Amino acid sequence: MSDSDYSEQAFLEFIKHSMVTGILRPQVAKSRKLAAEQLLTQLKSHERVDLRQLDVEELTTRFHKLQGSTVRTETLDLYSSRLQDALSDFISWRANPHDFVPKESGQKTARAVVARDDAGKAQAREELALNPPRSPLDIFTVPIREDHVIYLQNIPLDLTAAEAAKIARVVKALAEPDDDNPGEEQS
């Protein structure tokens, strides 16, 4: 790659290079790669040649218009932020690869929290970043037969296993006994 190459291909090679060489933490590089894979599908030809011309907000809007409601707004915001950070790092790295210091999203306090997390907490934090909390008003569809679907609503965001078991017992109590095994509990 030449130092003046700001193409989509050079950018994708930078992400791969940063992952392999450890310039970025693996989770950061992977999340940025995922964001790029999603959003860069909507690039125009002149943007593919020089990503410095790219307006990430406008690209995100284009992507949202074409994808409609298949991608949640929170996810789009996360993709946009990650792509913006990745592009910023790519441009900085191109300008001066020897003194390059990556911009990893978040403030220093957030980095300190991440640094002291154990592996389980770090994985949970990554899951929250990739799948932001949902609204308690979300409606969940549960197809129970080919011709019948039930809907669950107002499930608390912090539902415990014990509470889920309680809900399951109420639903089981509503069930008709199985004709073959009238005394056995349904599963």
Protein backbone atom coordinates (compact mmCIF):
# COMPACT_ATOMS: atom_id res chain seq x y z
CA MET A 1 0.00 0.00 0.00
CA SER A 2 1.25 3.46 -0.78
CA ASP A 3 1.08 6.17 1.90
CA SER A 4 -1.52 8.08 -0.11
CA ASP A 5 -3.92 5.13 -0.48
CA TYR A 6 -7.15 5.93 1.35
CA SER A 7 -9.28 3.42 -0.53
CA GLU A 8 -11.82 1.03 0.94
CA GLN A 9 -9.42 -1.85 0.24
CA ALA A 10 -6.57 -0.09 2.08
CA PHE A 11 -8.92 0.61 4.99
CA LEU A 12 -9.98 -3.04 5.24
CA GLU A 13 -6.32 -4.09 5.10
CA PHE A 14 -5.58 -1.63 7.92
CA ILE A 15 -8.30 -3.20 10.09
CA LYS A 16 -6.88 -6.66 9.41
CA HIS A 17 -3.33 -5.41 10.03
CA SER A 18 -4.36 -3.74 13.30
CA MET A 19 -5.98 -6.99 14.45
CA VAL A 20 -3.02 -9.20 13.53
CA THR A 21 -0.30 -6.91 14.88
CA GLY A 22 -2.12 -5.93 18.06
CA ILE A 23 -2.39 -2.24 17.23
CA LEU A 24 -5.98 -2.54 18.43
CA ARG A 25 -7.42 -4.87 21.02
CA PRO A 26 -9.00 -7.85 19.22
CA GLN A 27 -12.54 -7.06 20.40
CA VAL A 28 -12.24 -3.47 19.19
CA ALA A 29 -10.86 -4.52 15.82
CA LYS A 30 -13.58 -7.16 15.38
CA SER A 31 -16.37 -4.76 16.30
CA ARG A 32 -15.02 -2.14 13.90
CA LYS A 33 -14.69 -4.74 11.16
CA LEU A 34 -18.31 -5.77 11.65
CA ALA A 35 -19.48 -2.15 11.50
CA ALA A 36 -17.44 -1.58 8.34
CA GLU A 37 -18.76 -4.74 6.69
CA GLN A 38 -22.31 -3.59 7.34
CA LEU A 39 -22.12 0.09 6.44
CA LEU A 40 -19.55 0.07 3.64
CA THR A 41 -21.91 -1.96 1.45
CA GLN A 42 -23.61 1.37 0.69
CA LEU A 43 -20.51 3.26 -0.49
CA LYS A 44 -20.63 5.25 -3.70
CA SER A 45 -17.81 4.71 -6.20
CA HIS A 46 -15.95 7.97 -5.40
CA GLU A 47 -16.10 7.13 -1.68
CA ARG A 48 -14.56 3.70 -2.29
CA VAL A 49 -11.51 5.39 -3.82
CA ASP A 50 -10.94 7.92 -1.02
CA LEU A 51 -12.60 7.32 2.34
CA ARG A 52 -11.58 10.79 3.51
CA GLN A 53 -14.54 12.03 1.44
CA LEU A 54 -16.94 9.82 3.37
CA ASP A 55 -19.61 11.39 5.58
CA VAL A 56 -20.37 8.56 8.02
CA GLU A 57 -23.68 10.09 9.15
CA GLU A 58 -24.88 10.35 5.57
CA LEU A 59 -23.71 6.78 4.88
CA THR A 60 -25.59 5.57 7.97
CA THR A 61 -28.73 7.36 6.75
CA ARG A 62 -28.39 5.70 3.35
CA PHE A 63 -27.93 2.32 4.98
CA HIS A 64 -30.98 2.87 7.23
CA LYS A 65 -33.19 3.89 4.30
CA LEU A 66 -32.31 0.72 2.41
CA GLN A 67 -32.46 -1.63 5.39
CA GLY A 68 -35.60 -0.12 6.88
CA SER A 69 -36.57 -1.49 10.25
CA THR A 70 -34.43 -4.62 9.96
CA VAL A 71 -31.64 -2.87 11.90
CA ARG A 72 -32.34 -1.21 15.24
CA THR A 73 -31.47 2.47 15.66
CA GLU A 74 -29.19 1.67 18.60
CA THR A 75 -27.26 -0.79 16.47
CA LEU A 76 -26.93 1.75 13.66
CA ASP A 77 -25.61 4.34 16.12
CA LEU A 78 -23.07 1.81 17.36
CA TYR A 79 -21.99 0.92 13.81
CA SER A 80 -21.70 4.60 12.94
CA SER A 81 -19.57 5.38 15.99
CA ARG A 82 -17.30 2.39 15.41
CA LEU A 83 -16.85 3.18 11.72
CA GLN A 84 -16.08 6.82 12.53
CA ASP A 85 -13.43 5.76 15.07
CA ALA A 86 -11.97 3.23 12.63
CA LEU A 87 -11.76 5.80 9.83
CA SER A 88 -10.20 8.34 12.17
CA ASP A 89 -7.55 5.79 13.18
CA PHE A 90 -6.97 4.77 9.57
CA ILE A 91 -6.39 8.36 8.46
CA SER A 92 -4.10 9.05 11.44
CA TRP A 93 -2.17 5.84 10.82
CA ARG A 94 -1.76 6.75 7.13
CA ALA A 95 -0.41 10.16 8.08
CA ASN A 96 2.12 8.84 10.61
CA PRO A 97 2.26 5.07 11.15
CA HIS A 98 5.30 5.20 13.47
CA ASP A 99 3.72 7.51 16.07
CA PHE A 100 0.19 6.21 15.68
CA VAL A 101 -1.90 5.86 18.85
CA PRO A 102 -5.36 4.35 18.26
CA LYS A 103 -8.53 6.07 19.34
CA GLU A 104 -10.59 3.50 21.14
CA SER A 105 -14.14 4.66 21.84
CA GLY A 106 -14.93 5.86 25.30
CA GLN A 107 -13.32 8.04 27.87
CA LYS A 108 -10.35 7.24 30.08
CA THR A 109 -12.66 6.36 32.96
CA ALA A 110 -14.41 3.79 30.79
CA ARG A 111 -11.03 2.33 29.85
CA ALA A 112 -10.11 2.08 33.52
CA VAL A 113 -13.31 0.15 34.22
CA VAL A 114 -12.65 -2.19 31.32
CA ALA A 115 -9.06 -2.72 32.47
CA ARG A 116 -10.14 -3.90 35.92
CA ASP A 117 -12.97 -6.16 34.66
CA ASP A 118 -12.45 -9.89 34.81
CA ALA A 119 -13.08 -11.96 31.67
CA GLY A 120 -16.76 -12.53 32.47
CA LYS A 121 -17.49 -8.86 33.10
CA ALA A 122 -15.60 -7.87 29.96
CA GLN A 123 -17.67 -10.30 27.89
CA ALA A 124 -20.88 -9.01 29.46
CA ARG A 125 -19.83 -5.42 28.71
CA GLU A 126 -19.15 -6.37 25.07
CA GLU A 127 -22.57 -8.07 24.85
CA LEU A 128 -24.24 -4.91 26.16
CA ALA A 129 -22.39 -2.83 23.58
CA LEU A 130 -23.39 -5.15 20.73
CA ASN A 131 -26.95 -5.69 21.94
CA PRO A 132 -28.12 -2.62 23.85
CA PRO A 133 -30.86 -3.06 26.44
CA ARG A 134 -34.32 -3.35 25.02
CA SER A 135 -37.44 -1.52 26.01
CA PRO A 136 -39.69 -3.24 28.56
CA LEU A 137 -42.54 -2.53 26.14
CA ASP A 138 -41.08 -4.79 23.46
CA ILE A 139 -43.48 -7.47 22.30
CA PHE A 140 -42.08 -10.95 21.85
CA THR A 141 -43.81 -13.32 19.46
CA VAL A 142 -43.83 -17.01 20.32
CA PRO A 143 -45.15 -19.28 17.55
CA ILE A 144 -46.63 -22.30 19.32
CA ARG A 145 -48.37 -23.95 16.37
CA GLU A 146 -48.32 -23.46 12.65
CA ASP A 147 -51.53 -21.43 12.86
CA HIS A 148 -51.12 -19.78 16.27
CA VAL A 149 -48.75 -17.22 17.77
CA ILE A 150 -48.80 -15.79 21.28
CA TYR A 151 -47.37 -12.45 22.35
CA LEU A 152 -45.42 -11.63 25.51
CA GLN A 153 -45.21 -8.02 26.65
CA ASN A 154 -43.94 -6.07 29.66
CA ILE A 155 -41.18 -8.56 30.40
CA PRO A 156 -38.90 -6.76 32.89
CA LEU A 157 -35.42 -5.93 31.68
CA ASP A 158 -33.96 -7.62 34.76
CA LEU A 159 -36.08 -10.82 34.63
CA THR A 160 -34.54 -13.50 36.83
CA ALA A 161 -34.53 -17.25 36.20
CA ALA A 162 -36.88 -17.72 39.18
CA GLU A 163 -39.34 -15.20 37.73
CA ALA A 164 -39.17 -16.87 34.32
CA ALA A 165 -39.89 -20.23 35.99
CA LYS A 166 -42.89 -18.67 37.78
CA ILE A 167 -44.27 -17.38 34.46
CA ALA A 168 -43.71 -20.82 32.92
CA ARG A 169 -45.67 -22.47 35.78
CA VAL A 170 -48.62 -20.12 35.19
CA VAL A 171 -48.61 -20.94 31.48
CA LYS A 172 -48.36 -24.69 32.22
CA ALA A 173 -51.36 -24.40 34.54
CA LEU A 174 -53.39 -23.07 31.61
CA ALA A 175 -52.56 -26.04 29.41
CA GLU A 176 -54.98 -28.87 28.70
CA PRO A 177 -53.75 -32.21 30.09
CA ASP A 178 -52.05 -34.44 27.56
CA ASP A 179 -54.55 -37.16 26.50
CA ASP A 180 -51.86 -39.88 26.39
CA ASN A 181 -50.47 -39.12 29.87
CA PRO A 182 -53.16 -37.32 31.90
CA GLY A 183 -51.16 -37.30 35.14
CA GLU A 184 -47.84 -36.12 33.68
CA GLU A 185 -46.70 -32.54 33.52
CA GLN A 186 -46.37 -30.94 30.08
CA SER A 187 -42.92 -29.86 28.94
